[in-house]
C-alpha atoms as a PDB file:
ATOM      1  CA  MET A   1    -203.908 118.370-292.950  1.00  0.00           C
ATOM      2  CA  GLN A   2    -204.143 119.846-296.442  1.00  0.00           C
ATOM      3  CA  THR A   3    -203.472 123.569-296.886  1.00  0.00           C
ATOM      4  CA  ASP A   4    -206.277 125.753-298.267  1.00  0.00           C
ATOM      5  CA  PHE A   5    -205.101 126.084-301.874  1.00  0.00           C
ATOM      6  CA  THR A   6    -206.666 129.562-302.220  1.00  0.00           C
ATOM      7  CA  LYS A   7    -204.174 130.828-299.629  1.00  0.00           C
ATOM      8  CA  VAL A   8    -201.146 129.544-301.551  1.00  0.00           C
ATOM      9  CA  LYS A   9    -199.828 132.615-303.394  1.00  0.00           C
ATOM     10  CA  PRO A  10    -196.570 133.328-305.247  1.00  0.00           C
ATOM     11  CA  TYR A  11    -195.316 136.450-303.507  1.00  0.00           C
ATOM     12  CA  ASN A  12    -197.285 137.675-300.475  1.00  0.00           C
ATOM     13  CA  ASP A  13    -200.429 137.126-298.419  1.00  0.00           C
ATOM     14  CA  ASN A  14    -201.771 140.672-298.716  1.00  0.00           C
ATOM     15  CA  GLU A  15    -202.413 141.020-302.450  1.00  0.00           C
ATOM     16  CA  ALA A  16    -205.128 139.072-304.282  1.00  0.00           C
ATOM     17  CA  LYS A  17    -203.955 135.823-305.890  1.00  0.00           C
ATOM     18  CA  THR A  18    -204.912 136.510-309.535  1.00  0.00           C
ATOM     19  CA  PRO A  19    -202.794 139.678-310.037  1.00  0.00           C
ATOM     20  CA  GLN A  20    -199.832 137.900-308.468  1.00  0.00           C
ATOM     21  CA  LEU A  21    -200.290 134.956-310.832  1.00  0.00           C
ATOM     22  CA  SER A  22    -200.496 137.260-313.849  1.00  0.00           C
ATOM     23  CA  LYS A  23    -197.195 138.855-312.850  1.00  0.00           C
ATOM     24  CA  MET A  24    -195.609 135.488-312.071  1.00  0.00           C
ATOM     25  CA  PHE A  25    -196.500 133.808-315.363  1.00  0.00           C
ATOM     26  CA  ASN A  26    -195.431 136.857-317.338  1.00  0.00           C
ATOM     27  CA  THR A  27    -192.069 136.655-315.573  1.00  0.00           C
ATOM     28  CA  ILE A  28    -191.466 132.972-316.385  1.00  0.00           C
ATOM     29  CA  SER A  29    -193.248 132.808-319.763  1.00  0.00           C
ATOM     30  CA  SER A  30    -190.120 132.209-321.845  1.00  0.00           C
ATOM     31  CA  LYS A  31    -189.038 129.267-319.667  1.00  0.00           C
ATOM     32  CA  TYR A  32    -192.418 127.796-318.711  1.00  0.00           C
ATOM     33  CA  ASP A  33    -192.448 124.982-321.281  1.00  0.00           C
ATOM     34  CA  GLN A  34    -189.039 123.809-320.089  1.00  0.00           C
ATOM     35  CA  PHE A  35    -190.117 123.889-316.468  1.00  0.00           C
ATOM     36  CA  ASN A  36    -193.318 121.998-317.257  1.00  0.00           C
ATOM     37  CA  ASP A  37    -191.229 119.205-318.770  1.00  0.00           C
ATOM     38  CA  ILE A  38    -189.104 119.101-315.613  1.00  0.00           C
ATOM     39  CA  MET A  39    -192.133 119.045-313.298  1.00  0.00           C
ATOM     40  CA  SER A  40    -193.814 116.272-315.282  1.00  0.00           C
ATOM     41  CA  TRP A  41    -190.745 114.055-315.785  1.00  0.00           C
ATOM     42  CA  GLY A  42    -191.138 114.815-319.501  1.00  0.00           C
ATOM     43  CA  MET A  43    -194.518 113.035-319.520  1.00  0.00           C
ATOM     44  CA  ALA A  44    -196.774 116.083-320.040  1.00  0.00           C
ATOM     45  CA  ARG A  45    -196.996 115.471-323.791  1.00  0.00           C
ATOM     46  CA  VAL A  46    -198.197 111.896-323.271  1.00  0.00           C
ATOM     47  CA  TRP A  47    -200.715 112.958-320.639  1.00  0.00           C
ATOM     48  CA  ARG A  48    -202.136 115.654-322.930  1.00  0.00           C
ATOM     49  CA  LYS A  49    -202.502 113.173-325.780  1.00  0.00           C
ATOM     50  CA  ASN A  50    -204.300 110.615-323.611  1.00  0.00           C
ATOM     51  CA  ALA A  51    -206.571 113.269-322.117  1.00  0.00           C
ATOM     52  CA  LEU A  52    -207.521 114.815-325.460  1.00  0.00           C
ATOM     53  CA  ASN A  53    -208.248 111.391-326.926  1.00  0.00           C
ATOM     54  CA  SER A  54    -210.917 110.953-324.246  1.00  0.00           C
ATOM     55  CA  LEU A  55    -212.873 113.732-326.018  1.00  0.00           C
ATOM     56  CA  LYS A  56    -212.635 112.133-329.470  1.00  0.00           C
ATOM     57  CA  ALA A  57    -215.940 110.244-329.173  1.00  0.00           C
ATOM     58  CA  TYR A  58    -217.813 113.524-328.623  1.00  0.00           C
ATOM     59  CA  ASN A  59    -216.371 115.291-331.708  1.00  0.00           C
ATOM     60  CA  PRO A  60    -216.184 118.829-330.223  1.00  0.00           C
ATOM     61  CA  LYS A  61    -216.062 121.563-332.862  1.00  0.00           C
ATOM     62  CA  GLN A  62    -215.784 124.688-330.687  1.00  0.00           C
ATOM     63  CA  ILE A  63    -213.286 124.335-327.835  1.00  0.00           C
ATOM     64  CA  LEU A  64    -212.325 126.757-325.071  1.00  0.00           C
ATOM     65  CA  ASP A  65    -208.926 126.144-323.449  1.00  0.00           C
ATOM     66  CA  ILE A  66    -208.716 127.887-320.062  1.00  0.00           C
ATOM     67  CA  ALA A  67    -205.379 128.737-318.426  1.00  0.00           C
ATOM     68  CA  THR A  68    -204.012 128.057-321.891  1.00  0.00           C
ATOM     69  CA  GLY A  69    -200.500 129.253-321.057  1.00  0.00           C
ATOM     70  CA  THR A  70    -198.364 128.815-324.166  1.00  0.00           C
ATOM     71  CA  GLY A  71    -201.152 127.095-326.085  1.00  0.00           C
ATOM     72  CA  ASP A  72    -200.051 123.457-326.115  1.00  0.00           C
ATOM     73  CA  ILE A  73    -203.564 122.055-325.725  1.00  0.00           C
ATOM     74  CA  CYS A  74    -204.903 124.411-328.415  1.00  0.00           C
ATOM     75  CA  ILE A  75    -202.348 123.089-330.896  1.00  0.00           C
ATOM     76  CA  LYS A  76    -202.647 119.434-329.902  1.00  0.00           C
ATOM     77  CA  ALA A  77    -206.449 119.621-330.191  1.00  0.00           C
ATOM     78  CA  PHE A  78    -206.068 119.929-333.954  1.00  0.00           C
ATOM     79  CA  LYS A  79    -203.833 116.864-334.060  1.00  0.00           C
ATOM     80  CA  TYR A  80    -206.173 114.609-332.091  1.00  0.00           C
ATOM     81  CA  LEU A  81    -209.686 116.109-332.355  1.00  0.00           C
ATOM     82  CA  ASN A  82    -209.857 118.178-335.573  1.00  0.00           C
ATOM     83  CA  PRO A  83    -212.133 120.929-334.201  1.00  0.00           C
ATOM     84  CA  GLU A  84    -213.314 123.926-336.226  1.00  0.00           C
ATOM     85  CA  HIS A  85    -211.858 126.487-333.828  1.00  0.00           C
ATOM     86  CA  VAL A  86    -210.088 126.676-330.463  1.00  0.00           C
ATOM     87  CA  THR A  87    -210.037 129.722-328.191  1.00  0.00           C
ATOM     88  CA  GLY A  88    -207.293 129.938-325.578  1.00  0.00           C
ATOM     89  CA  VAL A  89    -207.699 132.225-322.560  1.00  0.00           C
ATOM     90  CA  ASP A  90    -205.267 133.131-319.811  1.00  0.00           C
ATOM     91  CA  ILE A  91    -204.463 135.947-317.376  1.00  0.00           C
ATOM     92  CA  SER A  92    -200.867 136.159-318.682  1.00  0.00           C
ATOM     93  CA  ASP A  93    -200.468 138.036-321.968  1.00  0.00           C
ATOM     94  CA  LEU A  94    -196.794 137.084-322.291  1.00  0.00           C
ATOM     95  CA  MET A  95    -197.551 133.363-321.947  1.00  0.00           C
ATOM     96  CA  MET A  96    -200.062 133.687-324.772  1.00  0.00           C
ATOM     97  CA  GLU A  97    -197.557 135.665-326.838  1.00  0.00           C
ATOM     98  CA  VAL A  98    -195.329 132.591-326.753  1.00  0.00           C
ATOM     99  CA  GLY A  99    -198.441 130.610-327.721  1.00  0.00           C
ATOM    100  CA  ARG A 100    -199.122 132.825-330.734  1.00  0.00           C
ATOM    101  CA  GLU A 101    -195.608 132.174-332.030  1.00  0.00           C
ATOM    102  CA  LYS A 102    -196.120 128.419-331.615  1.00  0.00           C
ATOM    103  CA  VAL A 103    -199.497 128.572-333.381  1.00  0.00           C
ATOM    104  CA  GLU A 104    -198.011 130.431-336.333  1.00  0.00           C
ATOM    105  CA  LYS A 105    -195.162 127.926-336.557  1.00  0.00           C
ATOM    106  CA  ALA A 106    -197.718 125.081-336.530  1.00  0.00           C
ATOM    107  CA  GLY A 107    -199.629 126.676-339.432  1.00  0.00           C
ATOM    108  CA  LEU A 108    -202.791 127.128-337.371  1.00  0.00           C
ATOM    109  CA  SER A 109    -203.190 130.908-337.474  1.00  0.00           C
ATOM    110  CA  GLY A 110    -206.880 131.714-337.931  1.00  0.00           C
ATOM    111  CA  LYS A 111    -207.969 128.460-336.322  1.00  0.00           C
ATOM    112  CA  ILE A 112    -206.718 129.376-332.836  1.00  0.00           C
ATOM    113  CA  ASN A 113    -207.107 132.728-331.107  1.00  0.00           C
ATOM    114  CA  PHE A 114    -206.015 133.919-327.678  1.00  0.00           C
ATOM    115  CA  ASP A 115    -207.779 136.261-325.280  1.00  0.00           C
ATOM    116  CA  ILE A 116    -206.940 137.690-321.851  1.00  0.00           C
ATOM    117  CA  GLN A 117    -209.721 136.465-319.574  1.00  0.00           C
ATOM    118  CA  ASP A 118    -210.178 135.481-315.944  1.00  0.00           C
ATOM    119  CA  CYS A 119    -212.146 132.245-315.729  1.00  0.00           C
ATOM    120  CA  ALA A 120    -214.203 133.662-312.870  1.00  0.00           C
ATOM    121  CA  SER A 121    -215.692 136.305-315.207  1.00  0.00           C
ATOM    122  CA  LEU A 122    -215.784 134.886-318.742  1.00  0.00           C
ATOM    123  CA  THR A 123    -217.320 137.223-321.322  1.00  0.00           C
ATOM    124  CA  TYR A 124    -218.557 134.555-323.746  1.00  0.00           C
ATOM    125  CA  ALA A 125    -222.251 133.938-324.362  1.00  0.00           C
ATOM    126  CA  ASP A 126    -224.132 131.054-322.786  1.00  0.00           C
ATOM    127  CA  ASN A 127    -223.872 127.701-324.591  1.00  0.00           C
ATOM    128  CA  SER A 128    -220.899 128.805-326.748  1.00  0.00           C
ATOM    129  CA  PHE A 129    -218.596 125.763-326.588  1.00  0.00           C
ATOM    130  CA  ASP A 130    -218.809 122.018-327.110  1.00  0.00           C
ATOM    131  CA  ALA A 131    -215.872 121.389-324.784  1.00  0.00           C
ATOM    132  CA  VAL A 132    -213.695 123.227-322.279  1.00  0.00           C
ATOM    133  CA  THR A 133    -210.188 122.050-321.440  1.00  0.00           C
ATOM    134  CA  ILE A 134    -207.928 122.988-318.513  1.00  0.00           C
ATOM    135  CA  SER A 135    -204.409 121.584-318.540  1.00  0.00           C
ATOM    136  CA  PHE A 136    -202.257 122.124-315.422  1.00  0.00           C
ATOM    137  CA  GLY A 137    -204.144 125.320-314.586  1.00  0.00           C
ATOM    138  CA  ILE A 138    -207.158 124.663-312.400  1.00  0.00           C
ATOM    139  CA  ARG A 139    -205.052 124.746-309.234  1.00  0.00           C
ATOM    140  CA  ASN A 140    -204.339 128.422-310.009  1.00  0.00           C
ATOM    141  CA  PHE A 141    -207.998 129.477-309.876  1.00  0.00           C
ATOM    142  CA  GLU A 142    -208.582 132.012-307.121  1.00  0.00           C
ATOM    143  CA  LYS A 143    -212.369 131.501-307.194  1.00  0.00           C
ATOM    144  CA  LEU A 144    -212.841 127.821-308.003  1.00  0.00           C
ATOM    145  CA  ASP A 145    -216.627 127.538-307.573  1.00  0.00           C
ATOM    146  CA  THR A 146    -217.318 130.772-309.470  1.00  0.00           C
ATOM    147  CA  SER A 147    -214.989 129.661-312.265  1.00  0.00           C
ATOM    148  CA  LEU A 148    -216.683 126.268-312.560  1.00  0.00           C
ATOM    149  CA  GLN A 149    -220.070 127.965-312.702  1.00  0.00           C
ATOM    150  CA  GLN A 150    -218.813 130.192-315.517  1.00  0.00           C
ATOM    151  CA  ILE A 151    -217.530 127.139-317.394  1.00  0.00           C
ATOM    152  CA  HIS A 152    -220.899 125.433-316.961  1.00  0.00           C
ATOM    153  CA  ARG A 153    -222.610 128.540-318.335  1.00  0.00           C
ATOM    154  CA  VAL A 154    -220.540 128.797-321.534  1.00  0.00           C
ATOM    155  CA  LEU A 155    -220.717 125.054-322.245  1.00  0.00           C
ATOM    156  CA  LYS A 156    -223.502 123.760-324.444  1.00  0.00           C
ATOM    157  CA  PRO A 157    -225.962 121.342-322.783  1.00  0.00           C
ATOM    158  CA  LYS A 158    -224.201 117.971-322.354  1.00  0.00           C
ATOM    159  CA  GLY A 159    -220.922 119.670-323.228  1.00  0.00           C
ATOM    160  CA  HIS A 160    -217.705 118.357-321.702  1.00  0.00           C
ATOM    161  CA  LEU A 161    -215.106 119.741-319.325  1.00  0.00           C
ATOM    162  CA  LEU A 162    -211.713 118.037-319.457  1.00  0.00           C
ATOM    163  CA  ILE A 163    -209.277 118.708-316.607  1.00  0.00           C
ATOM    164  CA  LEU A 164    -205.666 117.555-316.501  1.00  0.00           C
ATOM    165  CA  GLU A 165    -203.768 118.356-313.318  1.00  0.00           C
ATOM    166  CA  MET A 166    -200.645 117.249-311.521  1.00  0.00           C
ATOM    167  CA  ASN A 167    -200.852 116.011-307.958  1.00  0.00           C
ATOM    168  CA  GLU A 168    -198.708 114.191-305.453  1.00  0.00           C
ATOM    169  CA  PRO A 169    -199.068 110.410-305.274  1.00  0.00           C
ATOM    170  CA  GLN A 170    -201.219 109.567-302.279  1.00  0.00           C
ATOM    171  CA  LYS A 171    -198.880 107.366-300.258  1.00  0.00           C
ATOM    172  CA  GLY A 172    -195.975 104.969-300.105  1.00  0.00           C
ATOM    173  CA  PHE A 173    -192.666 104.946-301.935  1.00  0.00           C
ATOM    174  CA  MET A 174    -193.891 107.028-304.894  1.00  0.00           C
ATOM    175  CA  LEU A 175    -195.025 109.831-302.586  1.00  0.00           C
ATOM    176  CA  ARG A 176    -191.636 109.971-300.873  1.00  0.00           C
ATOM    177  CA  ALA A 177    -189.796 109.741-304.208  1.00  0.00           C
ATOM    178  CA  TYR A 178    -191.831 112.530-305.772  1.00  0.00           C
ATOM    179  CA  GLN A 179    -191.459 114.789-302.753  1.00  0.00           C
ATOM    180  CA  LEU A 180    -187.691 114.301-302.905  1.00  0.00           C
ATOM    181  CA  TYR A 181    -187.720 114.990-306.657  1.00  0.00           C
ATOM    182  CA  THR A 182    -189.661 118.258-306.330  1.00  0.00           C
ATOM    183  CA  ARG A 183    -187.819 119.507-303.244  1.00  0.00           C
ATOM    184  CA  VAL A 184    -184.322 118.843-304.542  1.00  0.00           C
ATOM    185  CA  PHE A 185    -184.083 118.403-308.321  1.00  0.00           C
ATOM    186  CA  VAL A 186    -186.972 120.668-309.355  1.00  0.00           C
ATOM    187  CA  LYS A 187    -185.906 123.420-306.959  1.00  0.00           C
ATOM    188  CA  MET A 188    -182.291 123.266-308.108  1.00  0.00           C
ATOM    189  CA  THR A 189    -183.169 123.203-311.825  1.00  0.00           C
ATOM    190  CA  SER A 190    -185.760 125.963-311.569  1.00  0.00           C
ATOM    191  CA  ARG A 191    -183.150 128.335-310.194  1.00  0.00           C
ATOM    192  CA  LEU A 192    -181.082 127.762-313.311  1.00  0.00           C
ATOM    193  CA  LEU A 193    -184.063 128.628-315.518  1.00  0.00           C
ATOM    194  CA  SER A 194    -185.201 131.829-313.811  1.00  0.00           C
ATOM    195  CA  ASP A 195    -184.277 134.335-311.117  1.00  0.00           C
ATOM    196  CA  ASP A 196    -187.888 134.246-309.907  1.00  0.00           C
ATOM    197  CA  SER A 197    -187.500 131.283-307.554  1.00  0.00           C
ATOM    198  CA  LYS A 198    -190.763 132.105-305.771  1.00  0.00           C
ATOM    199  CA  ALA A 199    -192.666 131.319-308.948  1.00  0.00           C
ATOM    200  CA  TYR A 200    -191.446 127.749-309.014  1.00  0.00           C
ATOM    201  CA  ASP A 201    -191.877 127.347-305.262  1.00  0.00           C
ATOM    202  CA  TYR A 202    -195.500 128.402-305.791  1.00  0.00           C
ATOM    203  CA  LEU A 203    -196.077 125.870-308.594  1.00  0.00           C
ATOM    204  CA  THR A 204    -194.848 123.049-306.372  1.00  0.00           C
ATOM    205  CA  ALA A 205    -196.751 124.243-303.279  1.00  0.00           C
ATOM    206  CA  SER A 206    -200.005 124.712-305.194  1.00  0.00           C
ATOM    207  CA  MET A 207    -199.794 121.173-306.546  1.00  0.00           C
ATOM    208  CA  HIS A 208    -199.464 119.879-302.981  1.00  0.00           C
ATOM    209  CA  ALA A 209    -202.404 121.938-301.682  1.00  0.00           C
ATOM    210  CA  PHE A 210    -204.977 121.560-304.462  1.00  0.00           C
ATOM    211  CA  PRO A 211    -207.764 118.975-303.911  1.00  0.00           C
ATOM    212  CA  SER A 212    -207.519 115.872-306.059  1.00  0.00           C
ATOM    213  CA  GLY A 213    -209.356 112.611-306.620  1.00  0.00           C
ATOM    214  CA  LYS A 214    -212.659 112.331-304.758  1.00  0.00           C
ATOM    215  CA  ASN A 215    -212.267 115.803-303.241  1.00  0.00           C
ATOM    216  CA  LEU A 216    -212.132 117.480-306.659  1.00  0.00           C
ATOM    217  CA  ILE A 217    -214.859 115.214-308.042  1.00  0.00           C
ATOM    218  CA  ASP A 218    -217.137 116.295-305.182  1.00  0.00           C
ATOM    219  CA  ILE A 219    -216.439 119.966-306.004  1.00  0.00           C
ATOM    220  CA  LEU A 220    -217.279 119.346-309.667  1.00  0.00           C
ATOM    221  CA  LYS A 221    -220.534 117.580-308.728  1.00  0.00           C
ATOM    222  CA  LYS A 222    -221.469 120.441-306.410  1.00  0.00           C
ATOM    223  CA  ASN A 223    -221.187 122.743-309.412  1.00  0.00           C
ATOM    224  CA  ASN A 224    -223.549 120.618-311.525  1.00  0.00           C
ATOM    225  CA  PHE A 225    -221.054 118.521-313.462  1.00  0.00           C
ATOM    226  CA  GLU A 226    -221.536 114.788-313.958  1.00  0.00           C
ATOM    227  CA  LEU A 227    -218.437 112.591-313.818  1.00  0.00           C
ATOM    228  CA  ILE A 228    -217.780 110.609-317.005  1.00  0.00           C
ATOM    229  CA  LYS A 229    -214.227 109.423-316.371  1.00  0.00           C
ATOM    230  CA  HIS A 230    -211.454 109.800-313.809  1.00  0.00           C
ATOM    231  CA  ARG A 231    -208.032 108.419-314.655  1.00  0.00           C
ATOM    232  CA  LYS A 232    -204.598 108.588-313.032  1.00  0.00           C
ATOM    233  CA  PHE A 233    -201.349 108.642-315.003  1.00  0.00           C
ATOM    234  CA  THR A 234    -197.773 107.647-314.105  1.00  0.00           C
ATOM    235  CA  PHE A 235    -198.129 106.308-310.560  1.00  0.00           C
ATOM    236  CA  GLY A 236    -200.699 108.968-309.609  1.00  0.00           C
ATOM    237  CA  VAL A 237    -198.530 111.992-310.442  1.00  0.00           C
ATOM    238  CA  CYS A 238    -201.179 113.327-312.846  1.00  0.00           C
ATOM    239  CA  SER A 239    -204.972 112.968-312.925  1.00  0.00           C
ATOM    240  CA  MET A 240    -207.565 113.425-315.662  1.00  0.00           C
ATOM    241  CA  TYR A 241    -211.193 114.311-315.012  1.00  0.00           C
ATOM    242  CA  LEU A 242    -213.803 114.240-317.780  1.00  0.00           C
ATOM    243  CA  VAL A 243    -217.185 115.631-316.749  1.00  0.00           C
ATOM    244  CA  GLN A 244    -220.396 116.627-318.513  1.00  0.00           C
ATOM    245  CA  SER A 245    -222.513 119.725-318.007  1.00  0.00           C
END
């Protein structure tokens, strides 16, 4: 039986999830990109490219990247989609500080800006964005339905939401292999990267608990999104969902 993902928290059961996540990501911000490569077998870059290319036909000019972290999707959007402007939002200011340094190095200052925002209470006006992207972050939402409703509100009519998220393979040898990989190699390596071992335990546990496939598609449909495309990458370790408002 799958665990309720809203009850999977980094540090304790008493405090709300969002403040704990803000603290956690601030703690691991300098090592997050390295850990993401470890978690994804080094495939995260390929997955992001394939996912962003699915938006190319719609030519989005104003993009909102939620749970932007260190801004990888914001930067890659200009390589694959050539938008006018990308806004990255996150609850971790230190993660976005790393992102600002990467944006400056990429020569994209002025075309990308970052803002501290909780997806459940976005401050942007209705119909502000052509596309919203979430890369490896939706499983951290404390209020999933409220957040999806906020995304629907700030999207323009027929705008697109692109979700990229890791998940365990459903069954068979790949499931057992990935569980062994995360429980042994990822756990061991994460302890070399940071003293905050609970942060990396949380990232693995949240991936296991978060709904995927048909379960997530049903949640998206309940919140008034229409499925355009669902695709799995690398033996089902990562999934892409493209939906329309």
